[in-house]
């Protein structure tokens, strides 16, 4: 498996049979889904806030690569640390 390049996190807005609508920096994007991704997102959509890893070009979900790429885990940890800082909570 090739190493995952940079990604961003998007907020899940709407789940459709063939795609998911997400938001990144107040812009909406429609991203195509596989049947497996749709099934997983059906379970997750009940949560109040769902962040999804997507490619930087906002063209594909990266759910299948989360558990296997150390860079993803590092970026997620950085994101969690930033979310816990006082600077990010002031802007929310």
C-alpha atoms as a PDB file:
ATOM      1  CA  UNK A   1       0.000   0.000   0.000  1.00  0.00           C
ATOM      2  CA  UNK A   2       1.376   3.382  -0.915  1.00  0.00           C
ATOM      3  CA  UNK A   3       1.830   5.995   1.732  1.00  0.00           C
ATOM      4  CA  UNK A   4      -0.998   8.459   2.218  1.00  0.00           C
ATOM      5  CA  UNK A   5      -0.223  12.019   1.269  1.00  0.00           C
ATOM      6  CA  UNK A   6      -1.632  14.992   3.149  1.00  0.00           C
ATOM      7  CA  UNK A   7      -5.327  15.020   3.901  1.00  0.00           C
ATOM      8  CA  UNK A   8      -7.874  17.283   5.530  1.00  0.00           C
ATOM      9  CA  UNK A   9     -10.880  16.691   7.753  1.00  0.00           C
ATOM     10  CA  UNK A  10     -14.383  17.525   6.535  1.00  0.00           C
ATOM     11  CA  UNK A  11     -17.690  17.753   8.356  1.00  0.00           C
ATOM     12  CA  UNK A  12     -20.324  15.290   7.178  1.00  0.00           C
ATOM     13  CA  UNK A  13     -23.431  17.203   6.079  1.00  0.00           C
ATOM     14  CA  UNK A  14     -25.609  14.812   4.075  1.00  0.00           C
ATOM     15  CA  UNK A  15     -25.414  11.158   3.110  1.00  0.00           C
ATOM     16  CA  UNK A  16     -26.800  10.113  -0.300  1.00  0.00           C
ATOM     17  CA  UNK A  17     -26.852   6.661  -1.946  1.00  0.00           C
ATOM     18  CA  UNK A  18     -23.953   7.466  -4.300  1.00  0.00           C
ATOM     19  CA  UNK A  19     -22.106  10.317  -2.575  1.00  0.00           C
ATOM     20  CA  UNK A  20     -21.614  12.210   0.655  1.00  0.00           C
ATOM     21  CA  UNK A  21     -21.836  15.982   1.002  1.00  0.00           C
ATOM     22  CA  UNK A  22     -19.169  17.432   3.284  1.00  0.00           C
ATOM     23  CA  UNK A  23     -18.065  20.887   4.351  1.00  0.00           C
ATOM     24  CA  UNK A  24     -14.508  22.211   4.464  1.00  0.00           C
ATOM     25  CA  UNK A  25     -13.941  25.863   5.374  1.00  0.00           C
ATOM     26  CA  UNK A  26     -17.591  26.782   4.667  1.00  0.00           C
ATOM     27  CA  UNK A  27     -17.524  25.220   1.185  1.00  0.00           C
ATOM     28  CA  UNK A  28     -19.605  22.161   0.276  1.00  0.00           C
ATOM     29  CA  UNK A  29     -18.215  19.207  -1.681  1.00  0.00           C
ATOM     30  CA  UNK A  30     -19.863  16.059  -3.024  1.00  0.00           C
ATOM     31  CA  UNK A  31     -17.610  13.016  -2.784  1.00  0.00           C
ATOM     32  CA  UNK A  32     -18.469   9.670  -4.415  1.00  0.00           C
ATOM     33  CA  UNK A  33     -18.912   6.655  -2.125  1.00  0.00           C
ATOM     34  CA  UNK A  34     -18.386   2.933  -2.355  1.00  0.00           C
ATOM     35  CA  UNK A  35     -21.102   0.671  -0.947  1.00  0.00           C
ATOM     36  CA  UNK A  36     -18.871  -0.166   2.039  1.00  0.00           C
ATOM     37  CA  UNK A  37     -18.277   3.519   2.800  1.00  0.00           C
ATOM     38  CA  UNK A  38     -22.007   4.232   2.529  1.00  0.00           C
ATOM     39  CA  UNK A  39     -22.782   1.431   4.992  1.00  0.00           C
ATOM     40  CA  UNK A  40     -20.238   2.769   7.488  1.00  0.00           C
ATOM     41  CA  UNK A  41     -21.454   6.344   7.157  1.00  0.00           C
ATOM     42  CA  UNK A  42     -25.051   5.249   7.717  1.00  0.00           C
ATOM     43  CA  UNK A  43     -23.962   4.137  11.181  1.00  0.00           C
ATOM     44  CA  UNK A  44     -21.928   7.272  11.864  1.00  0.00           C
ATOM     45  CA  UNK A  45     -24.430   9.858  10.639  1.00  0.00           C
ATOM     46  CA  UNK A  46     -26.431   9.581  13.877  1.00  0.00           C
ATOM     47  CA  UNK A  47     -23.577  11.247  15.768  1.00  0.00           C
ATOM     48  CA  UNK A  48     -23.897  15.026  16.304  1.00  0.00           C
ATOM     49  CA  UNK A  49     -20.590  15.811  14.573  1.00  0.00           C
ATOM     50  CA  UNK A  50     -18.725  13.514  12.220  1.00  0.00           C
ATOM     51  CA  UNK A  51     -15.339  14.501  10.776  1.00  0.00           C
ATOM     52  CA  UNK A  52     -14.215  12.544   7.729  1.00  0.00           C
ATOM     53  CA  UNK A  53     -10.699  12.316   6.322  1.00  0.00           C
ATOM     54  CA  UNK A  54     -10.679  13.408   2.673  1.00  0.00           C
ATOM     55  CA  UNK A  55      -7.977  14.056   0.109  1.00  0.00           C
ATOM     56  CA  UNK A  56      -6.599  17.596  -0.110  1.00  0.00           C
ATOM     57  CA  UNK A  57      -8.192  17.976  -3.543  1.00  0.00           C
ATOM     58  CA  UNK A  58     -11.533  17.076  -1.883  1.00  0.00           C
ATOM     59  CA  UNK A  59     -12.265  14.321  -4.422  1.00  0.00           C
ATOM     60  CA  UNK A  60     -12.216  11.161  -2.309  1.00  0.00           C
ATOM     61  CA  UNK A  61     -12.768   9.778   1.153  1.00  0.00           C
ATOM     62  CA  UNK A  62      -9.764   8.219   2.844  1.00  0.00           C
ATOM     63  CA  UNK A  63     -11.574   5.935   5.282  1.00  0.00           C
ATOM     64  CA  UNK A  64      -9.861   2.791   4.013  1.00  0.00           C
ATOM     65  CA  UNK A  65      -6.400   4.138   4.779  1.00  0.00           C
ATOM     66  CA  UNK A  66      -6.885   5.433   8.314  1.00  0.00           C
ATOM     67  CA  UNK A  67      -5.689   2.425  10.246  1.00  0.00           C
ATOM     68  CA  UNK A  68      -2.665   1.643   8.082  1.00  0.00           C
ATOM     69  CA  UNK A  69      -0.860   4.941   7.612  1.00  0.00           C
ATOM     70  CA  UNK A  70       1.307   6.361  10.427  1.00  0.00           C
ATOM     71  CA  UNK A  71       1.143   9.841   8.863  1.00  0.00           C
ATOM     72  CA  UNK A  72      -2.645   9.820   9.277  1.00  0.00           C
ATOM     73  CA  UNK A  73      -2.355   8.992  12.950  1.00  0.00           C
ATOM     74  CA  UNK A  74       0.190  11.767  13.422  1.00  0.00           C
ATOM     75  CA  UNK A  75      -2.023  14.341  11.666  1.00  0.00           C
ATOM     76  CA  UNK A  76      -5.076  13.222  13.657  1.00  0.00           C
ATOM     77  CA  UNK A  77      -3.121  13.613  16.895  1.00  0.00           C
ATOM     78  CA  UNK A  78      -2.016  17.098  15.821  1.00  0.00           C
ATOM     79  CA  UNK A  79      -5.639  17.944  15.018  1.00  0.00           C
ATOM     80  CA  UNK A  80      -6.825  16.710  18.422  1.00  0.00           C
ATOM     81  CA  UNK A  81      -4.104  18.707  20.174  1.00  0.00           C
ATOM     82  CA  UNK A  82      -5.130  21.839  18.259  1.00  0.00           C
ATOM     83  CA  UNK A  83      -8.800  21.258  19.110  1.00  0.00           C
ATOM     84  CA  UNK A  84      -7.892  21.142  22.810  1.00  0.00           C
ATOM     85  CA  UNK A  85      -5.947  24.416  22.736  1.00  0.00           C
ATOM     86  CA  UNK A  86      -7.479  27.658  24.025  1.00  0.00           C
ATOM     87  CA  UNK A  87      -6.847  29.383  20.687  1.00  0.00           C
ATOM     88  CA  UNK A  88      -9.099  27.021  18.722  1.00  0.00           C
ATOM     89  CA  UNK A  89     -11.878  27.093  21.317  1.00  0.00           C
ATOM     90  CA  UNK A  90     -11.927  30.898  21.252  1.00  0.00           C
ATOM     91  CA  UNK A  91     -12.567  30.859  17.516  1.00  0.00           C
ATOM     92  CA  UNK A  92     -15.408  28.328  17.733  1.00  0.00           C
END
